[in-house]
Amino acid sequence: MFGIFKKSSEVDKLQKKYEKLMKEWHALSTTNRAESDKKYAEAQRVLDRIEALQSHKE
């Protein structure tokens, strides 16, 4: 019932950011390769951060 008031964890926020970046990467992949590569690199950095947080948590 009170789940709507629960704050998102840092991992949840990073997951959403990663998904957004991957969508942008996919959209750019057919029109602008340089920008697409930048988005992919940024998404990879976010993914690395997610993995680091998850491994630290365990």
Protein backbone atom coordinates (compact mmCIF):
# COMPACT_ATOMS: atom_id res chain seq x y z
CA MET A 1 0.00 0.00 0.00
CA PHE A 2 2.80 2.40 0.84
CA GLY A 3 5.01 1.21 -2.01
CA ILE A 4 4.21 4.35 -3.97
CA PHE A 5 6.12 6.39 -1.40
CA LYS A 6 9.21 4.21 -1.55
CA LYS A 7 12.18 5.98 -3.11
CA SER A 8 13.94 4.39 -6.03
CA SER A 9 17.34 2.95 -5.30
CA GLU A 10 20.40 4.19 -7.15
CA VAL A 11 20.46 0.95 -9.15
CA ASP A 12 16.83 1.50 -10.25
CA LYS A 13 17.64 5.03 -11.37
CA LEU A 14 20.69 3.84 -13.27
CA GLN A 15 18.65 1.05 -14.92
CA LYS A 16 16.17 3.61 -16.24
CA LYS A 17 18.99 5.84 -17.48
CA TYR A 18 20.62 2.84 -19.18
CA GLU A 19 17.38 1.90 -20.93
CA LYS A 20 16.89 5.48 -22.12
CA LEU A 21 20.43 5.66 -23.48
CA MET A 22 20.06 2.36 -25.30
CA LYS A 23 16.85 3.57 -26.97
CA GLU A 24 18.63 6.74 -28.06
CA TRP A 25 21.59 4.69 -29.27
CA HIS A 26 19.32 2.48 -31.34
CA ALA A 27 17.52 5.45 -32.89
CA LEU A 28 20.81 7.15 -33.78
CA SER A 29 22.42 3.99 -35.12
CA THR A 30 20.75 4.42 -38.50
CA THR A 31 21.29 8.16 -38.91
CA ASN A 32 24.41 9.36 -37.08
CA ARG A 33 27.09 6.81 -36.32
CA ALA A 34 29.36 9.14 -34.32
CA GLU A 35 26.57 10.23 -31.96
CA SER A 36 25.38 6.63 -31.76
CA ASP A 37 28.83 5.53 -30.61
CA LYS A 38 28.87 8.24 -27.94
CA LYS A 39 25.48 7.12 -26.59
CA TYR A 40 26.63 3.51 -26.54
CA ALA A 41 29.80 4.40 -24.65
CA GLU A 42 27.79 6.40 -22.11
CA ALA A 43 25.37 3.50 -21.70
CA GLN A 44 28.30 1.15 -21.10
CA ARG A 45 29.63 3.43 -18.33
CA VAL A 46 26.19 3.38 -16.68
CA LEU A 47 26.07 -0.41 -16.99
CA ASP A 48 29.52 -0.71 -15.42
CA ARG A 49 28.33 1.44 -12.51
CA ILE A 50 25.23 -0.75 -12.08
CA GLU A 51 27.35 -3.89 -12.02
CA ALA A 52 29.75 -2.33 -9.51
CA LEU A 53 26.90 -1.39 -7.20
CA GLN A 54 25.34 -4.84 -7.47
CA SER A 55 28.61 -6.63 -6.76
CA HIS A 56 29.30 -4.33 -3.81
CA LYS A 57 25.84 -5.10 -2.45
CA GLU A 58 26.39 -8.88 -2.42
